[in-house]
Amino acid sequence: VNMAEAQFAKLKEIVAEQCVKMENLTAGTPYGTIEAVPDHDIFQDIVKDCKDSEFWTNFKEISPVLLCFATEVDPSVSRERDMCVTGEILKTKSLLDAIKKKLDESAAGDLNLVDLAVALKILSDKVDVITYLKEPDSDPRELRFKLNGTNKKVKVDIKKLQEAIVFVDDGEESKEESKDKLEVDLSEEDNQYLDEKLKDFKIETGRGGIIEKKCMMQLMKTIGDFSKSRSKDISKQAQDKRIEHYGTDSEKYVDVILETMSREEESFNYCTTAILSKLNVSQETYMRSEQALIMDPMSQMELLQKGIENEDTNVEVPSELDKKKTIEILKESNDKSFENYKEYSTAVKKKDPYLTPVVIS
């Protein structure tokens, strides 16, 4: 009895609070003086009477998707958006699972049904938003919405939508290019190389502003080609330096590897930044697009295949190096690498344990 009274009091409190909100919202408008009295007993099926009208659902379905695409132009806002959505998905799933388990294990009299009903309504609304965000009807250039309650559809040009958005911070306008856009000083030679490579390159984005798969693969290849052209001498110089210390000084040998990796990484980052700057793509967009690609197993296989195809095959192969001989050399090389690594293991553990496969290679 005490629980029922507490739940009844809670219900009255919630209703009174919402009535005050509606009075404030309609104050000074014609709606504030109108009493909408239904011509039937609403309590025969209160849930049915409270359901959204068909057109009202547009406010719920369209708004989250527009907000998602509109916020893509500001890296800091899109970062907050992604963190929020990820957090809400995990939180909503865990709460629903917990409530389901509690309902399965408990009797009706043991639960605060009012609080549970309110909580479920909030979680249901979140599930709806997550559903709309997950599968909007769109292509890389436009969003498409069926306008419920009518026979119309709405089309939204994504680029124009994003161009119309201006973020204001402390009273000052902040556009996309003001943040997260890095610049690099390009030599005349590099500038000419990129202008030639990128003259017909078009960035195509899809849901959430993520760069389309084929476009992203081509972008990654272009960055890789540019990096390879700028650092073609690094590997040769590194090999010469390693030979100087091979078999004589394991620590210096490992130091050369670390130095080489650092130079290659620096060169790759330079090339990435240069190309993204030329294409006016933010680092944030590129990183999220790259992550989406890496998370797709099929894309990983395609990237591996493209990497093999892009290897330099202009070297003349000796006629005696057939399949059998190649496998034999690889096995011998592999065995020797693991045997020789014993002399370098102490230096590797001291410098960086994650270098083990690199040094063996």
Protein backbone atom coordinates (compact mmCIF):
# COMPACT_ATOMS: atom_id res chain seq x y z
CA VAL A 1 0.00 0.00 0.00
CA ASN A 2 2.80 2.39 0.91
CA MET A 3 4.52 1.75 -2.43
CA ALA A 4 1.28 2.31 -4.36
CA GLU A 5 0.71 5.62 -2.54
CA ALA A 6 4.31 6.69 -3.23
CA GLN A 7 3.92 5.85 -6.90
CA PHE A 8 0.61 7.72 -7.08
CA ALA A 9 2.23 10.78 -5.51
CA LYS A 10 5.14 10.55 -7.94
CA LEU A 11 2.74 10.34 -10.87
CA LYS A 12 0.84 13.45 -9.71
CA GLU A 13 4.14 15.30 -9.31
CA ILE A 14 5.25 14.45 -12.87
CA VAL A 15 1.88 15.47 -14.37
CA ALA A 16 1.80 18.76 -12.42
CA GLU A 17 5.33 19.60 -13.56
CA GLN A 18 4.46 19.01 -17.23
CA CYS A 19 1.21 21.01 -16.91
CA VAL A 20 3.20 24.00 -15.60
CA LYS A 21 5.61 23.70 -18.53
CA MET A 22 2.77 23.66 -21.05
CA GLU A 23 1.10 26.67 -19.37
CA ASN A 24 4.36 28.60 -19.67
CA LEU A 25 4.83 27.55 -23.30
CA THR A 26 1.31 28.62 -24.30
CA ALA A 27 1.12 31.79 -22.19
CA GLY A 28 0.27 34.84 -24.32
CA THR A 29 -0.83 32.70 -27.26
CA PRO A 30 -4.30 31.65 -28.44
CA TYR A 31 -3.52 28.13 -27.25
CA GLY A 32 -3.39 29.32 -23.64
CA THR A 33 -7.09 30.21 -23.54
CA ILE A 34 -8.42 27.12 -25.28
CA GLU A 35 -9.58 24.06 -23.36
CA ALA A 36 -9.31 21.01 -25.57
CA VAL A 37 -11.90 18.67 -24.06
CA PRO A 38 -12.11 15.31 -25.89
CA ASP A 39 -15.61 14.08 -26.82
CA HIS A 40 -14.84 10.62 -25.47
CA ASP A 41 -13.40 8.96 -22.37
CA ILE A 42 -9.64 9.19 -22.99
CA PHE A 43 -8.95 6.81 -20.13
CA GLN A 44 -10.45 3.88 -21.99
CA ASP A 45 -7.21 3.81 -24.02
CA ILE A 46 -4.95 6.59 -22.77
CA VAL A 47 -1.88 5.24 -24.55
CA LYS A 48 -3.61 5.38 -27.93
CA ASP A 49 -4.75 8.97 -27.35
CA CYS A 50 -1.22 10.03 -26.41
CA LYS A 51 0.45 8.58 -29.49
CA ASP A 52 2.12 10.95 -31.96
CA SER A 53 0.20 12.10 -35.00
CA GLU A 54 1.73 11.01 -38.30
CA PHE A 55 3.19 14.41 -39.18
CA TRP A 56 4.56 14.93 -35.66
CA THR A 57 6.93 12.00 -36.19
CA ASN A 58 8.81 14.13 -38.76
CA PHE A 59 10.09 16.36 -35.96
CA LYS A 60 11.61 13.32 -34.29
CA GLU A 61 12.95 11.54 -37.38
CA ILE A 62 14.40 14.37 -39.46
CA SER A 63 15.95 16.61 -36.79
CA PRO A 64 18.58 14.14 -35.47
CA VAL A 65 19.89 13.38 -38.97
CA LEU A 66 20.06 17.05 -39.99
CA LEU A 67 21.92 17.85 -36.77
CA CYS A 68 24.33 14.97 -37.35
CA PHE A 69 25.32 16.16 -40.84
CA ALA A 70 25.25 19.87 -39.97
CA THR A 71 27.74 19.45 -37.10
CA GLU A 72 30.25 17.65 -39.33
CA VAL A 73 31.88 20.93 -40.38
CA ASP A 74 33.34 21.72 -36.96
CA PRO A 75 35.85 19.14 -35.66
CA SER A 76 35.37 19.97 -31.98
CA VAL A 77 31.57 19.78 -32.25
CA SER A 78 31.61 16.60 -34.34
CA ARG A 79 33.97 15.04 -31.79
CA GLU A 80 31.53 15.86 -28.97
CA ARG A 81 28.67 14.53 -31.11
CA ASP A 82 30.42 11.21 -31.73
CA MET A 83 31.36 10.80 -28.06
CA CYS A 84 27.79 11.60 -27.03
CA VAL A 85 26.17 9.17 -29.49
CA THR A 86 28.60 6.38 -28.59
CA GLY A 87 28.00 6.95 -24.88
CA GLU A 88 24.21 7.03 -25.26
CA ILE A 89 24.19 3.82 -27.33
CA LEU A 90 26.19 1.94 -24.70
CA LYS A 91 24.23 3.47 -21.81
CA THR A 92 20.81 2.78 -23.40
CA LYS A 93 21.67 -0.83 -24.20
CA SER A 94 23.01 -1.57 -20.72
CA LEU A 95 20.03 0.09 -18.99
CA LEU A 96 17.47 -1.76 -21.11
CA ASP A 97 19.24 -5.07 -20.48
CA ALA A 98 19.28 -4.35 -16.73
CA ILE A 99 15.57 -3.39 -16.68
CA LYS A 100 14.62 -6.50 -18.66
CA LYS A 101 16.53 -8.70 -16.23
CA LYS A 102 14.92 -6.96 -13.24
CA LEU A 103 11.42 -7.43 -14.68
CA ASP A 104 12.09 -11.12 -15.37
CA GLU A 105 13.28 -11.70 -11.80
CA SER A 106 10.74 -9.55 -9.87
CA ALA A 107 7.05 -9.42 -9.07
CA ALA A 108 4.92 -6.35 -9.93
CA GLY A 109 4.50 -5.43 -6.26
CA ASP A 110 8.26 -5.22 -5.75
CA LEU A 111 8.84 -2.53 -8.40
CA ASN A 112 8.27 1.18 -8.68
CA LEU A 113 6.25 0.96 -11.89
CA VAL A 114 5.89 4.73 -12.31
CA ASP A 115 9.64 5.32 -12.31
CA LEU A 116 10.13 2.34 -14.61
CA ALA A 117 7.47 3.62 -17.03
CA VAL A 118 9.08 7.07 -17.18
CA ALA A 119 12.54 5.54 -17.62
CA LEU A 120 11.32 3.27 -20.42
CA LYS A 121 9.71 6.23 -22.22
CA ILE A 122 13.05 8.10 -22.10
CA LEU A 123 14.97 5.04 -23.29
CA SER A 124 12.42 4.36 -26.05
CA ASP A 125 12.90 7.90 -27.35
CA LYS A 126 16.67 7.33 -27.36
CA VAL A 127 16.26 4.07 -29.28
CA ASP A 128 14.19 5.97 -31.87
CA VAL A 129 16.92 8.62 -32.31
CA ILE A 130 19.63 5.95 -32.61
CA THR A 131 17.51 4.17 -35.23
CA TYR A 132 17.11 7.35 -37.31
CA LEU A 133 20.83 8.11 -37.08
CA LYS A 134 21.81 4.59 -38.07
CA GLU A 135 19.98 4.32 -41.36
CA PRO A 136 19.13 7.66 -42.99
CA ASP A 137 18.06 7.47 -46.64
CA SER A 138 20.96 9.31 -48.27
CA ASP A 139 23.75 9.27 -50.79
CA PRO A 140 27.10 11.14 -50.63
CA ARG A 141 25.48 14.37 -51.87
CA GLU A 142 21.97 14.56 -50.44
CA LEU A 143 19.69 13.42 -47.63
CA ARG A 144 16.21 12.17 -48.46
CA PHE A 145 13.25 12.05 -46.07
CA LYS A 146 9.69 10.80 -46.54
CA LEU A 147 7.47 13.50 -45.05
CA ASN A 148 5.06 11.49 -42.91
CA GLY A 149 1.43 12.63 -43.12
CA THR A 150 1.86 13.87 -46.69
CA ASN A 151 2.64 12.44 -50.12
CA LYS A 152 5.87 14.48 -50.30
CA LYS A 153 9.55 13.75 -49.86
CA VAL A 154 12.23 16.18 -48.69
CA LYS A 155 15.68 16.37 -50.27
CA VAL A 156 18.54 18.21 -48.57
CA ASP A 157 21.82 19.11 -50.30
CA ILE A 158 24.44 18.08 -47.72
CA LYS A 159 27.12 20.48 -48.97
CA LYS A 160 24.76 23.48 -48.95
CA LEU A 161 23.49 22.51 -45.50
CA GLN A 162 27.04 22.43 -44.13
CA GLU A 163 27.99 25.66 -45.88
CA ALA A 164 25.01 27.38 -44.25
CA ILE A 165 26.15 26.41 -40.76
CA VAL A 166 28.28 28.86 -38.74
CA PHE A 167 29.34 28.02 -35.19
CA VAL A 168 29.58 30.87 -32.70
CA ASP A 169 32.03 30.75 -29.82
CA ASP A 170 32.06 33.62 -27.28
CA GLY A 171 30.28 35.85 -29.75
CA GLU A 172 32.70 35.19 -32.62
CA GLU A 173 31.97 33.19 -35.73
CA SER A 174 33.98 30.01 -36.10
CA LYS A 175 33.97 28.24 -39.44
CA GLU A 176 35.38 24.84 -40.34
CA GLU A 177 38.74 26.10 -41.58
CA SER A 178 39.51 27.97 -38.36
CA LYS A 179 40.25 24.73 -36.48
CA ASP A 180 41.87 21.39 -37.10
CA LYS A 181 43.34 22.47 -40.44
CA LEU A 182 47.11 22.12 -40.54
CA GLU A 183 49.30 23.85 -43.04
CA VAL A 184 52.70 22.76 -44.41
CA ASP A 185 55.37 24.58 -46.35
CA LEU A 186 55.65 22.85 -49.70
CA SER A 187 58.62 23.08 -52.00
CA GLU A 188 57.95 24.11 -55.58
CA GLU A 189 58.60 20.54 -56.69
CA ASP A 190 56.15 19.07 -54.15
CA ASN A 191 53.59 21.71 -55.04
CA GLN A 192 53.76 20.84 -58.72
CA TYR A 193 53.56 17.11 -57.93
CA LEU A 194 50.41 17.53 -55.84
CA ASP A 195 48.73 19.94 -58.25
CA GLU A 196 49.17 17.35 -60.99
CA LYS A 197 48.02 14.40 -58.86
CA LEU A 198 45.01 16.18 -57.33
CA LYS A 199 43.72 18.23 -60.27
CA ASP A 200 40.76 15.86 -60.87
CA PHE A 201 40.44 14.51 -57.32
CA LYS A 202 36.94 14.94 -55.84
CA ILE A 203 36.14 14.21 -52.20
CA GLU A 204 32.85 12.33 -51.78
CA THR A 205 31.33 11.91 -48.33
CA GLY A 206 28.53 9.72 -47.05
CA ARG A 207 26.63 9.28 -43.82
CA GLY A 208 28.07 11.29 -40.94
CA GLY A 209 30.50 13.07 -43.25
CA ILE A 210 32.65 9.95 -43.59
CA ILE A 211 34.62 9.85 -46.84
CA GLU A 212 33.22 7.24 -49.24
CA LYS A 213 35.09 3.91 -49.34
CA LYS A 214 36.45 4.10 -52.91
CA CYS A 215 37.34 7.75 -52.52
CA MET A 216 39.09 7.04 -49.20
CA MET A 217 41.12 4.19 -50.71
CA GLN A 218 42.21 6.43 -53.56
CA LEU A 219 43.10 9.18 -51.08
CA MET A 220 45.21 6.77 -49.00
CA LYS A 221 46.97 5.53 -52.14
CA THR A 222 47.73 9.11 -53.22
CA ILE A 223 49.20 9.88 -49.79
CA GLY A 224 51.25 6.67 -49.92
CA ASP A 225 52.57 7.44 -53.41
CA PHE A 226 53.55 10.97 -52.38
CA SER A 227 55.27 9.70 -49.24
CA LYS A 228 57.14 7.05 -51.25
CA SER A 229 58.33 9.65 -53.76
CA ARG A 230 59.66 11.92 -50.99
CA SER A 231 61.32 9.21 -48.89
CA LYS A 232 62.71 6.88 -51.55
CA ASP A 233 66.26 7.36 -50.24
CA ILE A 234 65.44 6.77 -46.57
CA SER A 235 65.33 2.95 -46.86
CA LYS A 236 68.61 2.81 -48.79
CA GLN A 237 70.38 5.07 -46.29
CA ALA A 238 68.94 3.05 -43.39
CA GLN A 239 70.16 -0.24 -44.87
CA ASP A 240 73.70 1.16 -45.21
CA LYS A 241 73.65 2.38 -41.59
CA ARG A 242 72.33 -0.93 -40.26
CA ILE A 243 75.06 -2.88 -42.05
CA GLU A 244 77.68 -0.81 -40.22
CA HIS A 245 76.44 -2.18 -36.88
CA TYR A 246 75.20 -5.63 -37.97
CA GLY A 247 76.78 -8.31 -35.78
CA THR A 248 78.91 -5.79 -33.86
CA ASP A 249 76.66 -3.42 -31.88
CA SER A 250 73.06 -4.51 -31.30
CA GLU A 251 72.01 -1.31 -29.52
CA LYS A 252 73.21 0.97 -32.34
CA TYR A 253 71.56 -1.40 -34.85
CA VAL A 254 68.21 -0.96 -33.05
CA ASP A 255 68.78 2.81 -32.79
CA VAL A 256 69.07 2.99 -36.58
CA ILE A 257 65.73 1.18 -36.92
CA LEU A 258 64.06 3.59 -34.49
CA GLU A 259 65.53 6.59 -36.27
CA THR A 260 64.38 5.25 -39.65
CA MET A 261 60.84 4.62 -38.40
CA SER A 262 60.73 8.14 -36.96
CA ARG A 263 61.86 9.69 -40.26
CA GLU A 264 59.37 7.61 -42.26
CA GLU A 265 56.55 8.54 -39.90
CA GLU A 266 57.50 12.22 -40.08
CA SER A 267 57.55 12.06 -43.88
CA PHE A 268 54.20 10.26 -44.02
CA ASN A 269 52.55 12.77 -41.65
CA TYR A 270 53.93 15.63 -43.73
CA CYS A 271 52.50 14.10 -46.91
CA THR A 272 49.13 13.40 -45.27
CA THR A 273 48.82 16.95 -43.98
CA ALA A 274 49.93 18.44 -47.32
CA ILE A 275 47.32 16.51 -49.31
CA LEU A 276 44.48 17.06 -46.82
CA SER A 277 45.28 20.77 -46.83
CA LYS A 278 45.17 20.85 -50.64
CA LEU A 279 41.79 19.08 -50.63
CA ASN A 280 40.45 21.12 -47.70
CA VAL A 281 39.77 17.98 -45.65
CA SER A 282 40.15 18.15 -41.86
CA GLN A 283 42.38 15.75 -39.96
CA GLU A 284 39.33 14.78 -37.89
CA THR A 285 37.33 13.74 -40.96
CA TYR A 286 40.26 11.81 -42.39
CA MET A 287 40.95 9.94 -39.13
CA ARG A 288 37.30 8.94 -38.67
CA SER A 289 37.07 7.83 -42.31
CA GLU A 290 40.28 5.83 -41.94
CA GLN A 291 38.97 4.17 -38.77
CA ALA A 292 35.69 3.24 -40.50
CA LEU A 293 37.66 1.67 -43.35
CA ILE A 294 39.96 -0.29 -41.05
CA MET A 295 36.99 -1.67 -39.10
CA ASP A 296 35.58 -3.23 -42.30
CA PRO A 297 37.18 -6.70 -42.90
CA MET A 298 36.52 -6.59 -46.66
CA SER A 299 38.15 -3.18 -46.88
CA GLN A 300 41.20 -4.54 -45.04
CA MET A 301 41.57 -7.25 -47.67
CA GLU A 302 41.26 -4.71 -50.48
CA LEU A 303 43.85 -2.45 -48.84
CA LEU A 304 46.25 -5.40 -48.51
CA GLN A 305 45.74 -6.33 -52.16
CA LYS A 306 46.27 -2.75 -53.31
CA GLY A 307 49.42 -2.58 -51.19
CA ILE A 308 50.78 -5.66 -52.99
CA GLU A 309 49.80 -4.25 -56.38
CA ASN A 310 51.59 -1.00 -55.60
CA GLU A 311 54.90 -2.68 -54.84
CA ASP A 312 57.76 -1.85 -57.21
CA THR A 313 57.78 -4.69 -59.79
CA ASN A 314 60.27 -3.12 -62.20
CA VAL A 315 63.21 -5.09 -60.76
CA GLU A 316 64.47 -7.85 -63.03
CA VAL A 317 63.88 -11.26 -61.44
CA PRO A 318 66.61 -13.92 -61.95
CA SER A 319 65.37 -16.82 -64.08
CA GLU A 320 66.42 -19.41 -61.49
CA LEU A 321 64.25 -17.73 -58.83
CA ASP A 322 61.16 -19.86 -59.41
CA LYS A 323 58.41 -20.59 -56.88
CA LYS A 324 60.27 -23.50 -55.25
CA LYS A 325 63.52 -21.53 -54.89
CA THR A 326 61.68 -18.48 -53.53
CA ILE A 327 59.99 -20.54 -50.79
CA GLU A 328 63.31 -22.18 -49.95
CA ILE A 329 65.03 -18.80 -49.55
CA LEU A 330 62.17 -17.42 -47.47
CA LYS A 331 62.30 -20.39 -45.08
CA GLU A 332 66.07 -20.13 -44.75
CA SER A 333 65.84 -16.39 -44.19
CA ASN A 334 63.09 -16.83 -41.60
CA ASP A 335 65.09 -19.45 -39.65
CA LYS A 336 68.21 -17.29 -39.72
CA SER A 337 66.29 -14.20 -38.59
CA PHE A 338 64.92 -15.92 -35.48
CA GLU A 339 68.34 -17.39 -34.69
CA ASN A 340 70.16 -14.06 -35.09
CA TYR A 341 67.49 -12.20 -33.14
CA LYS A 342 68.77 -13.79 -29.94
CA GLU A 343 71.77 -11.44 -30.14
CA TYR A 344 69.48 -8.40 -30.40
CA SER A 345 66.67 -9.34 -28.01
CA THR A 346 68.22 -7.59 -24.99
CA ALA A 347 68.68 -4.34 -26.91
CA VAL A 348 65.12 -4.54 -28.28
CA LYS A 349 63.60 -5.09 -24.84
CA LYS A 350 65.61 -2.18 -23.53
CA LYS A 351 64.67 0.22 -26.36
CA ASP A 352 61.13 -0.86 -27.32
CA PRO A 353 59.69 -4.41 -26.95
CA TYR A 354 57.16 -3.71 -29.74
CA LEU A 355 60.09 -3.60 -32.18
CA THR A 356 60.53 -7.39 -32.03
CA PRO A 357 58.74 -8.25 -35.34
CA VAL A 358 60.44 -5.29 -37.07
CA VAL A 359 63.94 -6.35 -36.01
CA ILE A 360 63.26 -9.99 -36.96
CA SER A 361 62.09 -8.80 -40.36
